Amino acid sequence: MAKTMTVWAVDWLEFEEGFGPRPDGSSLHLTLKKAIRYMGEEIRRYTGIHTSDPDGTPYKIDVPVHVYDEIINAGGNLRVERHFDQLLLR
């Protein structure tokens, strides 16, 4: 069985004027503190027409080591423009 590491995940919903809500990928974080800080940074980047909101609260998931390494290389936060399960399959 492949080695895994536990990280925090946040799912996102995009809201764009005239289109309504739609899935906006996920973000993966080394710690809960990093996840919460990242959520706040994303919320501060909102414009009046376009936003991306957390779809729920951060939750723990196990990821393969190669994904964990990508999160580290990205500074502890990795945004994926699709649901993280697709990232885990590659």
C-alpha atoms as a PDB file:
ATOM      1  CA  MET A   1       0.000   0.000   0.000  1.00  0.00           C
ATOM      2  CA  ALA A   2       1.311   3.448  -0.925  1.00  0.00           C
ATOM      3  CA  LYS A   3       2.386   5.781   1.854  1.00  0.00           C
ATOM      4  CA  THR A   4       0.036   8.683   2.552  1.00  0.00           C
ATOM      5  CA  MET A   5       0.172  11.906   4.543  1.00  0.00           C
ATOM      6  CA  THR A   6      -2.712  13.695   6.263  1.00  0.00           C
ATOM      7  CA  VAL A   7      -3.499  17.258   5.149  1.00  0.00           C
ATOM      8  CA  TRP A   8      -6.434  19.670   5.361  1.00  0.00           C
ATOM      9  CA  ALA A   9      -8.763  20.217   2.398  1.00  0.00           C
ATOM     10  CA  VAL A  10     -11.264  22.954   1.553  1.00  0.00           C
ATOM     11  CA  ASP A  11     -13.799  22.677  -1.265  1.00  0.00           C
ATOM     12  CA  TRP A  12     -14.774  25.905  -3.045  1.00  0.00           C
ATOM     13  CA  LEU A  13     -17.859  27.297  -4.785  1.00  0.00           C
ATOM     14  CA  GLU A  14     -17.569  30.054  -7.370  1.00  0.00           C
ATOM     15  CA  PHE A  15     -20.257  32.713  -7.675  1.00  0.00           C
ATOM     16  CA  GLU A  16     -20.322  34.871 -10.785  1.00  0.00           C
ATOM     17  CA  GLU A  17     -23.006  37.421 -11.533  1.00  0.00           C
ATOM     18  CA  GLY A  18     -25.532  35.939 -13.936  1.00  0.00           C
ATOM     19  CA  PHE A  19     -24.287  32.357 -13.568  1.00  0.00           C
ATOM     20  CA  GLY A  20     -24.982  31.365  -9.946  1.00  0.00           C
ATOM     21  CA  PRO A  21     -22.885  28.931  -7.900  1.00  0.00           C
ATOM     22  CA  ARG A  22     -20.697  26.221  -9.406  1.00  0.00           C
ATOM     23  CA  PRO A  23     -17.828  24.047  -8.116  1.00  0.00           C
ATOM     24  CA  ASP A  24     -14.488  25.857  -8.071  1.00  0.00           C
ATOM     25  CA  GLY A  25     -12.036  23.125  -7.165  1.00  0.00           C
ATOM     26  CA  SER A  26     -10.352  22.475  -3.858  1.00  0.00           C
ATOM     27  CA  SER A  27      -7.382  23.628  -1.869  1.00  0.00           C
ATOM     28  CA  LEU A  28      -5.004  21.446   0.132  1.00  0.00           C
ATOM     29  CA  HIS A  29      -3.086  22.680   3.193  1.00  0.00           C
ATOM     30  CA  LEU A  30      -0.367  21.345   5.477  1.00  0.00           C
ATOM     31  CA  THR A  31      -2.090  22.618   8.642  1.00  0.00           C
ATOM     32  CA  LEU A  32      -5.512  23.810   9.769  1.00  0.00           C
ATOM     33  CA  LYS A  33      -3.970  27.212  10.539  1.00  0.00           C
ATOM     34  CA  LYS A  34      -2.746  27.494   6.935  1.00  0.00           C
ATOM     35  CA  ALA A  35      -6.192  26.458   5.648  1.00  0.00           C
ATOM     36  CA  ILE A  36      -7.966  29.117   7.726  1.00  0.00           C
ATOM     37  CA  ARG A  37      -5.466  31.811   6.731  1.00  0.00           C
ATOM     38  CA  TYR A  38      -5.822  30.837   3.055  1.00  0.00           C
ATOM     39  CA  MET A  39      -9.626  31.020   3.310  1.00  0.00           C
ATOM     40  CA  GLY A  40      -9.364  34.552   4.706  1.00  0.00           C
ATOM     41  CA  GLU A  41      -6.965  35.634   1.964  1.00  0.00           C
ATOM     42  CA  GLU A  42      -9.306  34.313  -0.718  1.00  0.00           C
ATOM     43  CA  ILE A  43     -12.308  36.095   0.807  1.00  0.00           C
ATOM     44  CA  ARG A  44     -10.399  39.423   0.838  1.00  0.00           C
ATOM     45  CA  ARG A  45      -9.782  39.058  -2.928  1.00  0.00           C
ATOM     46  CA  TYR A  46     -13.517  39.155  -3.743  1.00  0.00           C
ATOM     47  CA  THR A  47     -14.862  41.541  -6.315  1.00  0.00           C
ATOM     48  CA  GLY A  48     -18.476  42.614  -6.493  1.00  0.00           C
ATOM     49  CA  ILE A  49     -19.112  40.418  -9.539  1.00  0.00           C
ATOM     50  CA  HIS A  50     -17.043  37.310  -8.835  1.00  0.00           C
ATOM     51  CA  THR A  51     -16.332  35.411  -5.607  1.00  0.00           C
ATOM     52  CA  SER A  52     -15.100  32.029  -4.501  1.00  0.00           C
ATOM     53  CA  ASP A  53     -16.400  30.818  -1.152  1.00  0.00           C
ATOM     54  CA  PRO A  54     -15.493  27.808   0.963  1.00  0.00           C
ATOM     55  CA  ASP A  55     -18.108  25.088   0.535  1.00  0.00           C
ATOM     56  CA  GLY A  56     -18.150  23.946   4.159  1.00  0.00           C
ATOM     57  CA  THR A  57     -15.355  23.743   6.689  1.00  0.00           C
ATOM     58  CA  PRO A  58     -11.813  22.379   6.341  1.00  0.00           C
ATOM     59  CA  TYR A  59     -11.519  18.619   6.747  1.00  0.00           C
ATOM     60  CA  LYS A  60      -8.675  16.122   6.992  1.00  0.00           C
ATOM     61  CA  ILE A  61      -7.783  13.826   4.110  1.00  0.00           C
ATOM     62  CA  ASP A  62      -4.936  11.454   3.341  1.00  0.00           C
ATOM     63  CA  VAL A  63      -2.981  12.185   0.179  1.00  0.00           C
ATOM     64  CA  PRO A  64      -0.182  10.305  -1.583  1.00  0.00           C
ATOM     65  CA  VAL A  65       3.333  11.491  -0.805  1.00  0.00           C
ATOM     66  CA  HIS A  66       3.726  13.049  -4.276  1.00  0.00           C
ATOM     67  CA  VAL A  67       0.722  15.312  -3.605  1.00  0.00           C
ATOM     68  CA  TYR A  68       2.069  16.161  -0.136  1.00  0.00           C
ATOM     69  CA  ASP A  69       5.363  17.160  -1.775  1.00  0.00           C
ATOM     70  CA  GLU A  70       3.478  19.424  -4.208  1.00  0.00           C
ATOM     71  CA  ILE A  71       1.788  21.154  -1.269  1.00  0.00           C
ATOM     72  CA  ILE A  72       5.175  21.716   0.395  1.00  0.00           C
ATOM     73  CA  ASN A  73       6.652  23.061  -2.862  1.00  0.00           C
ATOM     74  CA  ALA A  74       3.691  25.457  -3.154  1.00  0.00           C
ATOM     75  CA  GLY A  75       4.424  26.956   0.283  1.00  0.00           C
ATOM     76  CA  GLY A  76       1.951  24.882   2.277  1.00  0.00           C
ATOM     77  CA  ASN A  77      -1.201  25.735   0.295  1.00  0.00           C
ATOM     78  CA  LEU A  78      -2.105  24.195  -3.058  1.00  0.00           C
ATOM     79  CA  ARG A  79      -5.161  25.280  -5.035  1.00  0.00           C
ATOM     80  CA  VAL A  80      -6.400  22.747  -7.552  1.00  0.00           C
ATOM     81  CA  GLU A  81      -8.931  23.880 -10.130  1.00  0.00           C
ATOM     82  CA  ARG A  82     -10.728  20.562  -9.985  1.00  0.00           C
ATOM     83  CA  HIS A  83     -11.840  18.397  -7.133  1.00  0.00           C
ATOM     84  CA  PHE A  84      -8.838  16.921  -5.314  1.00  0.00           C
ATOM     85  CA  ASP A  85      -9.908  13.324  -6.010  1.00  0.00           C
ATOM     86  CA  GLN A  86      -8.855  13.826  -9.644  1.00  0.00           C
ATOM     87  CA  LEU A  87      -5.424  14.993  -8.471  1.00  0.00           C
ATOM     88  CA  LEU A  88      -5.045  11.876  -6.351  1.00  0.00           C
ATOM     89  CA  LEU A  89      -5.721   9.542  -9.279  1.00  0.00           C
ATOM     90  CA  ARG A  90      -2.833  10.652 -11.460  1.00  0.00           C
END
